[in-house]
């Protein structure tokens, strides 16, 4: 049975692959739910500026559902967004989490409170194999954020390839970055009608992390 779902979307590789799998199974995406830090007008965790999010939505032809909030309002604001989606006929929210139980529990609890299903298409998959599947499917992504304990600033802006995954693994970092070693920005691939063009404005370092400033 086809499901009408909303995608909890970060612009990263895992949520993109999870979305791709749902669409391939015939389910219907009704929106990209993206949480935005209202003080910065950039997405939480990956730091994608709003104009870029709008381009992604346009290229995928999936409506953008921006959820602006402060850190202390994150949970409640997320639930309110799910309620609005449910009122529009959405029956599920999809997440790109792989195997961190704490993350799955948080997502599931938000959906349970609203009365919709939480779906995890990548759950319990092999982290490295999922990363290779993303690349082999034809998606393109750049490294947007890195944890400097594992990866230096030189990794920022590099396109994710199998060779790069091997280099990341050799540092002791998880090849999928599931522990926060790196985050990506997906700019092209099977879900996109056109690639997302962007410019870089140098790197920013803060509290042990490096960030590629894209616009």
N, C-alpha and C. Protein backbone atom coordinates (compact mmCIF):
# COMPACT_ATOMS: atom_id res chain seq x y z
N UNK A 1 0.84 -1.21 0.00
CA UNK A 1 0.00 0.00 0.00
C UNK A 1 0.87 1.25 0.00
N UNK A 2 0.55 2.17 -0.90
CA UNK A 2 1.34 3.40 -0.98
C UNK A 2 1.11 4.27 0.25
N UNK A 3 2.19 4.85 0.74
CA UNK A 3 2.12 5.75 1.89
C UNK A 3 2.40 7.18 1.44
N UNK A 4 1.66 8.12 2.00
CA UNK A 4 1.95 9.53 1.80
C UNK A 4 2.80 9.96 2.99
N UNK A 5 4.04 10.33 2.72
CA UNK A 5 4.98 10.57 3.81
C UNK A 5 5.66 11.93 3.70
N UNK A 6 6.19 12.35 4.82
CA UNK A 6 7.04 13.53 4.85
C UNK A 6 8.44 13.07 5.22
N UNK A 7 9.45 13.65 4.59
CA UNK A 7 10.84 13.24 4.81
C UNK A 7 11.51 14.19 5.77
N UNK A 8 12.02 13.66 6.87
CA UNK A 8 12.86 14.47 7.76
C UNK A 8 14.21 14.60 7.06
N UNK A 9 14.44 15.78 6.47
CA UNK A 9 15.53 15.92 5.50
C UNK A 9 16.63 16.86 6.00
N UNK A 10 17.86 16.39 5.88
CA UNK A 10 19.01 17.18 6.33
C UNK A 10 19.85 17.71 5.17
N UNK A 11 19.55 17.25 3.95
CA UNK A 11 20.37 17.50 2.75
C UNK A 11 21.60 16.61 2.73
N UNK A 12 21.71 15.68 3.68
CA UNK A 12 22.84 14.78 3.74
C UNK A 12 22.57 13.47 3.01
N UNK A 13 23.61 12.65 2.90
CA UNK A 13 23.55 11.43 2.10
C UNK A 13 22.55 10.40 2.63
N UNK A 14 22.48 10.23 3.96
CA UNK A 14 21.63 9.18 4.50
C UNK A 14 20.15 9.49 4.31
N UNK A 15 19.75 10.72 4.60
CA UNK A 15 18.34 11.07 4.41
C UNK A 15 17.98 11.06 2.93
N UNK A 16 18.94 11.42 2.08
CA UNK A 16 18.68 11.38 0.63
C UNK A 16 18.49 9.95 0.14
N UNK A 17 19.33 9.04 0.61
CA UNK A 17 19.19 7.64 0.20
C UNK A 17 17.90 7.04 0.73
N UNK A 18 17.53 7.39 1.97
CA UNK A 18 16.28 6.90 2.54
C UNK A 18 15.09 7.40 1.72
N UNK A 19 15.12 8.67 1.32
CA UNK A 19 14.07 9.23 0.47
C UNK A 19 14.01 8.50 -0.86
N UNK A 20 15.14 8.25 -1.45
CA UNK A 20 15.22 7.56 -2.75
C UNK A 20 14.59 6.17 -2.67
N UNK A 21 14.89 5.46 -1.59
CA UNK A 21 14.34 4.12 -1.42
C UNK A 21 12.82 4.16 -1.31
N UNK A 22 12.30 5.13 -0.57
CA UNK A 22 10.84 5.24 -0.42
C UNK A 22 10.18 5.55 -1.75
N UNK A 23 10.74 6.46 -2.50
CA UNK A 23 10.17 6.83 -3.80
C UNK A 23 10.22 5.64 -4.76
N UNK A 24 11.34 4.90 -4.73
CA UNK A 24 11.48 3.72 -5.60
C UNK A 24 10.46 2.64 -5.27
N UNK A 25 9.99 2.61 -4.03
CA UNK A 25 9.00 1.63 -3.62
C UNK A 25 7.58 2.09 -3.94
N UNK A 26 7.46 3.28 -4.53
CA UNK A 26 6.17 3.77 -4.96
C UNK A 26 5.44 4.65 -3.96
N UNK A 27 6.09 4.96 -2.84
CA UNK A 27 5.46 5.83 -1.85
C UNK A 27 5.55 7.30 -2.29
N UNK A 28 4.69 8.14 -1.73
CA UNK A 28 4.52 9.50 -2.24
C UNK A 28 5.05 10.53 -1.24
N UNK A 29 6.13 11.25 -1.60
CA UNK A 29 6.65 12.28 -0.70
C UNK A 29 5.83 13.55 -0.80
N UNK A 30 5.32 14.01 0.33
CA UNK A 30 4.51 15.23 0.32
C UNK A 30 5.29 16.44 0.79
N UNK A 31 6.50 16.23 1.30
CA UNK A 31 7.27 17.38 1.74
C UNK A 31 8.63 17.00 2.29
N UNK A 32 9.55 17.97 2.23
CA UNK A 32 10.86 17.85 2.88
C UNK A 32 10.81 18.67 4.16
N UNK A 33 10.80 17.99 5.28
CA UNK A 33 10.76 18.68 6.57
C UNK A 33 12.19 18.99 6.98
N UNK A 34 12.52 20.28 7.00
CA UNK A 34 13.89 20.70 7.34
C UNK A 34 13.84 21.65 8.53
N UNK A 35 14.53 21.30 9.59
CA UNK A 35 14.59 22.18 10.76
C UNK A 35 15.67 23.24 10.55
N UNK A 36 15.33 24.48 10.89
CA UNK A 36 16.21 25.62 10.64
C UNK A 36 16.45 26.38 11.94
N UNK A 37 17.70 26.68 12.21
CA UNK A 37 18.06 27.52 13.35
C UNK A 37 17.61 28.95 13.03
N UNK A 38 16.60 29.42 13.72
CA UNK A 38 16.00 30.70 13.35
C UNK A 38 16.93 31.89 13.55
N UNK A 39 17.98 31.72 14.36
CA UNK A 39 18.92 32.81 14.56
C UNK A 39 19.95 32.90 13.43
N UNK A 40 20.12 31.80 12.68
CA UNK A 40 21.13 31.77 11.61
C UNK A 40 20.51 31.62 10.22
N UNK A 41 19.23 31.24 10.17
CA UNK A 41 18.55 30.95 8.90
C UNK A 41 19.28 29.89 8.09
N UNK A 42 19.82 28.92 8.82
CA UNK A 42 20.48 27.76 8.22
C UNK A 42 19.95 26.49 8.88
N UNK A 43 19.99 25.40 8.15
CA UNK A 43 19.46 24.16 8.70
C UNK A 43 20.30 23.71 9.89
N UNK A 44 19.62 23.10 10.85
CA UNK A 44 20.32 22.53 12.00
C UNK A 44 21.25 21.41 11.52
N UNK A 45 22.39 21.28 12.19
CA UNK A 45 23.35 20.19 12.01
C UNK A 45 24.19 20.31 10.75
N UNK A 46 23.58 20.54 9.59
CA UNK A 46 24.35 20.61 8.36
C UNK A 46 24.63 22.04 7.91
N UNK A 47 23.88 23.01 8.43
CA UNK A 47 24.15 24.41 8.15
C UNK A 47 23.91 24.84 6.71
N UNK A 48 22.83 24.35 6.11
CA UNK A 48 22.51 24.72 4.72
C UNK A 48 21.63 25.98 4.73
N UNK A 49 22.03 27.05 4.03
CA UNK A 49 21.23 28.28 4.02
C UNK A 49 19.88 28.09 3.33
N UNK A 50 18.91 28.88 3.74
CA UNK A 50 17.54 28.74 3.23
C UNK A 50 17.44 28.80 1.71
N UNK A 51 18.11 29.76 1.03
CA UNK A 51 18.00 29.79 -0.44
C UNK A 51 18.43 28.48 -1.08
N UNK A 52 19.43 27.81 -0.48
CA UNK A 52 19.90 26.54 -1.02
C UNK A 52 18.85 25.45 -0.80
N UNK A 53 18.18 25.50 0.35
CA UNK A 53 17.11 24.53 0.64
C UNK A 53 15.98 24.67 -0.37
N UNK A 54 15.68 25.90 -0.73
CA UNK A 54 14.62 26.14 -1.72
C UNK A 54 15.00 25.58 -3.09
N UNK A 55 16.28 25.68 -3.44
CA UNK A 55 16.75 25.12 -4.71
C UNK A 55 16.63 23.60 -4.71
N UNK A 56 16.98 22.99 -3.58
CA UNK A 56 16.87 21.54 -3.47
C UNK A 56 15.42 21.11 -3.65
N UNK A 57 14.52 21.80 -2.99
CA UNK A 57 13.10 21.50 -3.10
C UNK A 57 12.62 21.62 -4.54
N UNK A 58 13.04 22.67 -5.20
CA UNK A 58 12.64 22.88 -6.60
C UNK A 58 13.17 21.78 -7.50
N UNK A 59 14.44 21.41 -7.30
CA UNK A 59 15.05 20.40 -8.16
C UNK A 59 14.42 19.03 -7.95
N UNK A 60 14.06 18.71 -6.71
CA UNK A 60 13.42 17.43 -6.42
C UNK A 60 11.92 17.44 -6.72
N UNK A 61 11.37 18.64 -6.88
CA UNK A 61 9.93 18.80 -7.09
C UNK A 61 9.14 18.23 -5.91
N UNK A 62 9.66 18.49 -4.71
CA UNK A 62 9.00 18.10 -3.46
C UNK A 62 8.89 19.36 -2.61
N UNK A 63 7.69 19.71 -2.13
CA UNK A 63 7.52 20.94 -1.35
C UNK A 63 8.43 20.99 -0.13
N UNK A 64 8.91 22.19 0.17
CA UNK A 64 9.78 22.40 1.32
C UNK A 64 8.94 22.81 2.52
N UNK A 65 9.17 22.16 3.64
CA UNK A 65 8.47 22.50 4.89
C UNK A 65 9.53 22.94 5.90
N UNK A 66 9.80 24.24 5.94
CA UNK A 66 10.79 24.78 6.86
C UNK A 66 10.22 24.85 8.27
N UNK A 67 10.99 24.37 9.22
CA UNK A 67 10.57 24.39 10.62
C UNK A 67 11.60 25.21 11.38
N UNK A 68 11.28 26.48 11.63
CA UNK A 68 12.22 27.37 12.30
C UNK A 68 12.05 27.26 13.81
N UNK A 69 13.18 27.10 14.50
CA UNK A 69 13.08 26.95 15.95
C UNK A 69 14.42 27.27 16.62
N UNK A 70 14.34 27.47 17.93
CA UNK A 70 15.52 27.59 18.77
C UNK A 70 15.81 26.22 19.35
N UNK A 71 17.02 26.05 19.87
CA UNK A 71 17.42 24.75 20.40
C UNK A 71 16.48 24.23 21.47
N UNK A 72 16.04 25.10 22.38
CA UNK A 72 15.17 24.64 23.48
C UNK A 72 13.73 24.41 23.04
N UNK A 73 13.42 24.74 21.80
CA UNK A 73 12.07 24.53 21.27
C UNK A 73 12.03 23.42 20.23
N UNK A 74 13.16 22.79 20.00
CA UNK A 74 13.31 21.88 18.87
C UNK A 74 12.27 20.76 18.89
N UNK A 75 12.15 20.09 20.01
CA UNK A 75 11.26 18.94 20.10
C UNK A 75 9.80 19.32 19.87
N UNK A 76 9.35 20.35 20.57
CA UNK A 76 7.95 20.76 20.46
C UNK A 76 7.65 21.28 19.06
N UNK A 77 8.57 22.03 18.47
CA UNK A 77 8.36 22.58 17.13
C UNK A 77 8.30 21.47 16.09
N UNK A 78 9.13 20.46 16.27
CA UNK A 78 9.14 19.32 15.35
C UNK A 78 7.80 18.59 15.40
N UNK A 79 7.29 18.39 16.60
CA UNK A 79 5.99 17.72 16.74
C UNK A 79 4.87 18.53 16.11
N UNK A 80 4.91 19.85 16.27
CA UNK A 80 3.88 20.70 15.66
C UNK A 80 3.91 20.59 14.14
N UNK A 81 5.12 20.49 13.59
CA UNK A 81 5.24 20.33 12.14
C UNK A 81 4.64 19.01 11.68
N UNK A 82 4.86 17.95 12.46
CA UNK A 82 4.27 16.65 12.13
C UNK A 82 2.74 16.69 12.20
N UNK A 83 2.23 17.42 13.17
CA UNK A 83 0.77 17.56 13.29
C UNK A 83 0.19 18.22 12.04
N UNK A 84 0.84 19.28 11.57
CA UNK A 84 0.37 19.97 10.37
C UNK A 84 0.41 19.04 9.16
N UNK A 85 1.48 18.25 9.09
CA UNK A 85 1.59 17.31 7.97
C UNK A 85 0.49 16.26 8.03
N UNK A 86 0.18 15.78 9.23
CA UNK A 86 -0.89 14.79 9.38
C UNK A 86 -2.23 15.37 8.94
N UNK A 87 -2.47 16.64 9.25
CA UNK A 87 -3.72 17.29 8.84
C UNK A 87 -3.85 17.35 7.33
N UNK A 88 -2.71 17.27 6.64
CA UNK A 88 -2.71 17.31 5.18
C UNK A 88 -2.70 15.91 4.56
N UNK A 89 -2.93 14.91 5.40
CA UNK A 89 -3.06 13.55 4.89
C UNK A 89 -1.82 12.69 4.98
N UNK A 90 -0.76 13.21 5.59
CA UNK A 90 0.47 12.43 5.73
C UNK A 90 0.27 11.36 6.80
N UNK A 91 0.72 10.15 6.50
CA UNK A 91 0.56 9.04 7.45
C UNK A 91 1.88 8.56 8.05
N UNK A 92 3.01 9.09 7.57
CA UNK A 92 4.30 8.63 8.07
C UNK A 92 5.36 9.71 7.92
N UNK A 93 6.38 9.63 8.77
CA UNK A 93 7.58 10.47 8.62
C UNK A 93 8.76 9.52 8.46
N UNK A 94 9.61 9.81 7.50
CA UNK A 94 10.75 8.94 7.17
C UNK A 94 12.04 9.58 7.66
N UNK A 95 12.93 8.75 8.20
CA UNK A 95 14.20 9.21 8.75
C UNK A 95 15.35 8.42 8.15
N UNK A 96 16.52 9.04 8.10
CA UNK A 96 17.70 8.39 7.51
C UNK A 96 18.64 7.76 8.51
N UNK A 97 18.20 7.57 9.75
CA UNK A 97 19.07 6.98 10.77
C UNK A 97 19.39 5.52 10.44
N UNK A 98 20.57 5.10 10.87
CA UNK A 98 21.03 3.75 10.52
C UNK A 98 21.01 2.79 11.71
N UNK A 99 21.65 3.16 12.81
CA UNK A 99 21.72 2.17 13.89
C UNK A 99 21.91 2.75 15.29
N UNK A 100 21.79 4.05 15.46
CA UNK A 100 21.92 4.63 16.79
C UNK A 100 20.54 4.63 17.45
N UNK A 101 20.38 3.77 18.44
CA UNK A 101 19.07 3.52 19.04
C UNK A 101 18.47 4.78 19.66
N UNK A 102 19.31 5.62 20.24
CA UNK A 102 18.82 6.85 20.87
C UNK A 102 18.15 7.76 19.84
N UNK A 103 18.72 7.83 18.65
CA UNK A 103 18.13 8.64 17.58
C UNK A 103 16.80 8.06 17.14
N UNK A 104 16.75 6.74 16.97
CA UNK A 104 15.51 6.10 16.55
C UNK A 104 14.40 6.31 17.57
N UNK A 105 14.77 6.22 18.84
CA UNK A 105 13.78 6.40 19.90
C UNK A 105 13.20 7.80 19.87
N UNK A 106 14.07 8.81 19.71
CA UNK A 106 13.60 10.20 19.68
C UNK A 106 12.63 10.40 18.52
N UNK A 107 13.00 9.93 17.35
CA UNK A 107 12.15 10.11 16.17
C UNK A 107 10.82 9.37 16.33
N UNK A 108 10.90 8.17 16.86
CA UNK A 108 9.69 7.37 17.02
C UNK A 108 8.74 8.01 18.02
N UNK A 109 9.29 8.56 19.10
CA UNK A 109 8.45 9.22 20.10
C UNK A 109 7.74 10.44 19.54
N UNK A 110 8.41 11.20 18.70
CA UNK A 110 7.76 12.37 18.10
C UNK A 110 6.57 11.92 17.24
N UNK A 111 6.76 10.86 16.48
CA UNK A 111 5.69 10.38 15.61
C UNK A 111 4.55 9.76 16.41
N UNK A 112 4.90 9.02 17.45
CA UNK A 112 3.87 8.39 18.29
C UNK A 112 2.96 9.43 18.93
N UNK A 113 3.53 10.55 19.37
CA UNK A 113 2.73 11.59 20.02
C UNK A 113 1.73 12.21 19.05
N UNK A 114 2.08 12.21 17.78
CA UNK A 114 1.23 12.82 16.76
C UNK A 114 0.27 11.79 16.16
N UNK A 115 0.65 10.53 16.22
CA UNK A 115 -0.20 9.48 15.67
C UNK A 115 0.10 9.15 14.22
N UNK A 116 1.39 9.25 13.83
CA UNK A 116 1.79 8.81 12.50
C UNK A 116 2.91 7.79 12.64
N UNK A 117 3.21 7.11 11.56
CA UNK A 117 4.22 6.05 11.57
C UNK A 117 5.61 6.64 11.37
N UNK A 118 6.61 6.08 12.05
CA UNK A 118 8.01 6.43 11.84
C UNK A 118 8.66 5.32 11.01
N UNK A 119 9.28 5.68 9.90
CA UNK A 119 9.88 4.69 9.01
C UNK A 119 11.38 4.97 8.87
N UNK A 120 12.18 3.89 8.94
CA UNK A 120 13.63 3.99 8.87
C UNK A 120 14.15 3.04 7.79
N UNK A 121 14.20 3.47 6.53
CA UNK A 121 14.57 2.57 5.43
C UNK A 121 15.99 2.02 5.51
N UNK A 122 16.89 2.70 6.22
CA UNK A 122 18.29 2.26 6.28
C UNK A 122 18.61 1.49 7.56
N UNK A 123 17.63 1.28 8.40
CA UNK A 123 17.88 0.77 9.75
C UNK A 123 18.59 -0.59 9.74
N UNK A 124 19.66 -0.66 10.54
CA UNK A 124 20.48 -1.87 10.73
C UNK A 124 21.23 -2.28 9.46
N UNK A 125 21.35 -1.36 8.52
CA UNK A 125 22.20 -1.63 7.36
C UNK A 125 23.67 -1.47 7.74
N UNK A 126 24.54 -2.05 6.94
CA UNK A 126 25.99 -1.90 7.16
C UNK A 126 26.39 -0.48 6.78
N UNK A 127 27.02 0.22 7.70
CA UNK A 127 27.32 1.64 7.47
C UNK A 127 28.15 1.86 6.21
N UNK A 128 29.20 1.09 6.05
CA UNK A 128 30.07 1.28 4.89
C UNK A 128 29.34 0.93 3.60
N UNK A 129 28.58 -0.15 3.62
CA UNK A 129 27.84 -0.55 2.42
C UNK A 129 26.79 0.48 2.04
N UNK A 130 26.16 1.11 3.03
CA UNK A 130 25.18 2.17 2.75
C UNK A 130 25.85 3.34 2.05
N UNK A 131 27.06 3.69 2.51
CA UNK A 131 27.80 4.80 1.90
C UNK A 131 28.14 4.48 0.45
N UNK A 132 28.58 3.26 0.19
CA UNK A 132 28.89 2.86 -1.18
C UNK A 132 27.62 2.81 -2.04
N UNK A 133 26.53 2.37 -1.46
CA UNK A 133 25.26 2.32 -2.21
C UNK A 133 24.85 3.73 -2.64
N UNK A 134 25.01 4.68 -1.75
CA UNK A 134 24.69 6.08 -2.06
C UNK A 134 25.50 6.53 -3.27
N UNK A 135 26.79 6.24 -3.26
CA UNK A 135 27.67 6.68 -4.35
C UNK A 135 27.33 5.94 -5.64
N UNK A 136 27.13 4.63 -5.54
CA UNK A 136 26.86 3.81 -6.73
C UNK A 136 25.51 4.14 -7.36
N UNK A 137 24.57 4.63 -6.56
CA UNK A 137 23.25 5.00 -7.08
C UNK A 137 23.34 6.23 -7.98
N UNK A 138 24.42 7.00 -7.84
CA UNK A 138 24.61 8.15 -8.71
C UNK A 138 24.46 9.50 -8.04
N UNK A 139 24.32 9.50 -6.73
CA UNK A 139 24.23 10.78 -6.02
C UNK A 139 25.61 11.40 -5.87
N UNK A 140 25.62 12.72 -5.78
CA UNK A 140 26.87 13.46 -5.57
C UNK A 140 26.73 14.35 -4.34
N UNK A 141 27.75 14.32 -3.51
CA UNK A 141 27.72 15.10 -2.27
C UNK A 141 29.11 15.62 -1.96
N UNK A 142 29.15 16.75 -1.27
CA UNK A 142 30.43 17.28 -0.77
C UNK A 142 30.43 17.21 0.74
N UNK A 143 31.62 17.09 1.30
CA UNK A 143 31.73 17.12 2.75
C UNK A 143 31.50 18.55 3.23
N UNK A 144 30.48 18.72 4.06
CA UNK A 144 30.05 20.04 4.53
C UNK A 144 30.61 20.37 5.91
N UNK A 145 30.60 19.39 6.81
CA UNK A 145 31.11 19.57 8.17
C UNK A 145 32.03 18.40 8.50
N UNK A 146 33.07 18.66 9.29
CA UNK A 146 33.95 17.58 9.75
C UNK A 146 34.26 17.76 11.23
N UNK A 147 34.47 16.65 11.90
CA UNK A 147 34.92 16.66 13.27
C UNK A 147 36.44 16.64 13.23
N UNK A 148 37.07 17.73 13.66
CA UNK A 148 38.50 17.91 13.47
C UNK A 148 39.34 16.90 14.23
N UNK A 149 38.76 16.23 15.19
CA UNK A 149 39.46 15.15 15.90
C UNK A 149 39.83 14.03 14.94
N UNK A 150 39.05 13.87 13.87
CA UNK A 150 39.28 12.80 12.90
C UNK A 150 39.74 13.33 11.54
N UNK A 151 39.08 14.36 11.05
CA UNK A 151 39.31 14.84 9.70
C UNK A 151 39.68 16.32 9.72
N UNK A 152 40.75 16.68 9.01
CA UNK A 152 41.17 18.08 9.00
C UNK A 152 40.37 18.88 7.97
N UNK A 153 40.62 20.18 7.94
CA UNK A 153 39.86 21.07 7.06
C UNK A 153 40.01 20.73 5.58
N UNK A 154 41.09 20.03 5.24
CA UNK A 154 41.33 19.68 3.85
C UNK A 154 40.25 18.79 3.25
N UNK A 155 39.47 18.14 4.10
CA UNK A 155 38.38 17.29 3.61
C UNK A 155 37.15 18.10 3.21
N UNK A 156 37.02 19.29 3.74
CA UNK A 156 35.84 20.11 3.46
C UNK A 156 35.75 20.46 1.97
N UNK A 157 34.57 20.26 1.40
CA UNK A 157 34.37 20.59 0.00
C UNK A 157 34.72 19.48 -0.97
N UNK A 158 35.30 18.40 -0.47
CA UNK A 158 35.64 17.28 -1.34
C UNK A 158 34.38 16.48 -1.68
N UNK A 159 34.30 16.02 -2.92
CA UNK A 159 33.17 15.19 -3.35
C UNK A 159 33.35 13.79 -2.78
N UNK A 160 32.27 13.24 -2.24
CA UNK A 160 32.32 11.91 -1.64
C UNK A 160 32.43 10.84 -2.73
N UNK A 161 33.55 10.15 -2.74
CA UNK A 161 33.81 9.05 -3.68
C UNK A 161 34.26 7.84 -2.88
N UNK A 162 34.37 6.69 -3.55
CA UNK A 162 34.84 5.50 -2.86
C UNK A 162 36.27 5.69 -2.36
N UNK A 163 37.10 6.35 -3.15
CA UNK A 163 38.47 6.62 -2.72
C UNK A 163 38.49 7.48 -1.46
N UNK A 164 37.63 8.50 -1.44
CA UNK A 164 37.59 9.37 -0.27
C UNK A 164 37.08 8.62 0.95
N UNK A 165 36.10 7.74 0.76
CA UNK A 165 35.61 6.93 1.88
C UNK A 165 36.74 6.09 2.46
N UNK A 166 37.59 5.55 1.59
CA UNK A 166 38.74 4.78 2.06
C UNK A 166 39.69 5.63 2.88
N UNK A 167 39.94 6.86 2.45
CA UNK A 167 40.83 7.76 3.19
C UNK A 167 40.22 8.12 4.55
N UNK A 168 38.91 8.36 4.55
CA UNK A 168 38.22 8.67 5.81
C UNK A 168 38.35 7.50 6.78
N UNK A 169 38.16 6.31 6.26
CA UNK A 169 38.25 5.10 7.09
C UNK A 169 39.65 4.93 7.67
N UNK A 170 40.66 5.29 6.89
CA UNK A 170 42.05 5.12 7.33
C UNK A 170 42.42 6.03 8.49
N UNK A 171 41.65 7.09 8.70
CA UNK A 171 41.92 8.00 9.83
C UNK A 171 41.38 7.46 11.15
N UNK A 172 40.57 6.39 11.07
CA UNK A 172 39.92 5.87 12.26
C UNK A 172 38.48 6.35 12.38
N UNK A 173 38.08 7.21 11.46
CA UNK A 173 36.69 7.70 11.46
C UNK A 173 35.78 6.64 10.86
N UNK A 174 34.52 6.68 11.24
CA UNK A 174 33.53 5.79 10.64
C UNK A 174 33.37 6.16 9.17
N UNK A 175 33.40 5.20 8.25
CA UNK A 175 33.30 5.54 6.82
C UNK A 175 32.00 6.22 6.44
N UNK A 176 30.96 6.01 7.24
CA UNK A 176 29.66 6.62 6.99
C UNK A 176 29.49 7.95 7.74
N UNK A 177 30.38 8.20 8.70
CA UNK A 177 30.26 9.41 9.49
C UNK A 177 29.08 9.39 10.44
N UNK A 178 28.58 8.21 10.77
CA UNK A 178 27.36 8.10 11.56
C UNK A 178 27.55 8.60 12.99
N UNK A 179 28.80 8.67 13.44
CA UNK A 179 29.08 9.17 14.79
C UNK A 179 29.39 10.67 14.79
N UNK A 180 29.11 11.33 13.67
CA UNK A 180 29.32 12.77 13.58
C UNK A 180 30.68 13.17 13.05
N UNK A 181 31.45 12.20 12.51
CA UNK A 181 32.77 12.53 11.99
C UNK A 181 32.69 13.49 10.79
N UNK A 182 31.63 13.35 10.01
CA UNK A 182 31.43 14.28 8.90
C UNK A 182 29.95 14.30 8.51
N UNK A 183 29.55 15.42 7.88
CA UNK A 183 28.22 15.56 7.31
C UNK A 183 28.37 16.01 5.86
N UNK A 184 27.37 15.72 5.06
CA UNK A 184 27.47 16.03 3.63
C UNK A 184 26.33 16.92 3.16
N UNK A 185 26.55 17.52 2.01
CA UNK A 185 25.50 18.25 1.29
C UNK A 185 25.35 17.58 -0.06
N UNK A 186 24.17 17.00 -0.32
CA UNK A 186 23.90 16.32 -1.58
C UNK A 186 23.40 17.34 -2.59
N UNK A 187 24.08 17.41 -3.74
CA UNK A 187 23.74 18.46 -4.70
C UNK A 187 23.29 17.93 -6.07
N UNK A 188 23.33 16.61 -6.25
CA UNK A 188 22.90 16.07 -7.55
C UNK A 188 22.65 14.57 -7.40
N UNK A 189 21.91 14.01 -8.37
CA UNK A 189 21.64 12.59 -8.35
C UNK A 189 20.27 12.27 -8.91
N UNK A 190 19.86 11.00 -8.79
CA UNK A 190 18.62 10.52 -9.42
C UNK A 190 17.35 11.28 -9.03
N UNK A 191 17.29 11.85 -7.84
CA UNK A 191 16.08 12.56 -7.42
C UNK A 191 16.04 14.00 -7.93
N UNK A 192 17.14 14.48 -8.48
CA UNK A 192 17.27 15.88 -8.85
C UNK A 192 16.99 16.10 -10.34
N UNK A 193 16.18 17.10 -10.64
CA UNK A 193 15.95 17.48 -12.04
C UNK A 193 17.15 18.25 -12.58
N UNK A 194 17.85 18.97 -11.71
CA UNK A 194 19.05 19.71 -12.10
C UNK A 194 19.98 19.77 -10.88
N UNK A 195 21.31 19.84 -11.12
CA UNK A 195 22.24 19.92 -10.00
C UNK A 195 22.13 21.26 -9.28
N UNK A 196 22.38 21.25 -7.99
CA UNK A 196 22.33 22.49 -7.20
C UNK A 196 23.67 23.20 -7.30
N UNK A 197 23.66 24.38 -7.89
CA UNK A 197 24.89 25.16 -8.00
C UNK A 197 25.12 25.93 -6.70
N UNK A 198 26.36 25.96 -6.27
CA UNK A 198 26.67 26.69 -5.04
C UNK A 198 28.10 27.21 -5.11
N UNK A 199 28.36 28.21 -4.32
CA UNK A 199 29.72 28.76 -4.20
C UNK A 199 30.19 28.55 -2.77
N UNK A 200 31.50 28.52 -2.60
CA UNK A 200 32.06 28.36 -1.26
C UNK A 200 32.68 29.67 -0.80
N UNK A 201 32.57 29.89 0.49
CA UNK A 201 33.07 31.15 1.05
C UNK A 201 34.06 30.86 2.19
N UNK A 202 34.93 29.88 1.96
CA UNK A 202 35.93 29.54 2.96
C UNK A 202 35.39 28.59 4.01
N UNK A 203 36.24 28.33 5.00
CA UNK A 203 35.90 27.42 6.08
C UNK A 203 35.75 28.17 7.40
N UNK A 204 34.95 27.59 8.28
CA UNK A 204 34.76 28.14 9.62
C UNK A 204 35.06 27.02 10.61
N UNK A 205 35.83 27.31 11.65
CA UNK A 205 36.09 26.31 12.69
C UNK A 205 35.51 26.80 14.01
N UNK A 206 34.93 25.86 14.75
CA UNK A 206 34.29 26.22 16.02
C UNK A 206 34.11 24.97 16.87
N UNK A 207 34.61 25.01 18.09
CA UNK A 207 34.40 23.93 19.06
C UNK A 207 34.77 22.55 18.53
N UNK A 208 35.88 22.48 17.85
CA UNK A 208 36.37 21.17 17.39
C UNK A 208 35.78 20.70 16.08
N UNK A 209 35.02 21.56 15.40
CA UNK A 209 34.41 21.19 14.13
C UNK A 209 34.81 22.19 13.04
N UNK A 210 34.87 21.69 11.81
CA UNK A 210 35.13 22.55 10.67
C UNK A 210 33.89 22.56 9.78
N UNK A 211 33.57 23.73 9.24
CA UNK A 211 32.37 23.90 8.43
C UNK A 211 32.73 24.57 7.10
N UNK A 212 32.24 24.01 6.01
CA UNK A 212 32.36 24.65 4.71
C UNK A 212 31.21 25.63 4.56
N UNK A 213 31.52 26.89 4.34
CA UNK A 213 30.50 27.91 4.17
C UNK A 213 30.07 27.93 2.71
N UNK A 214 28.84 27.48 2.44
CA UNK A 214 28.36 27.45 1.06
C UNK A 214 27.20 28.43 0.89
N UNK A 215 27.06 28.94 -0.33
CA UNK A 215 26.00 29.90 -0.65
C UNK A 215 25.50 29.67 -2.06
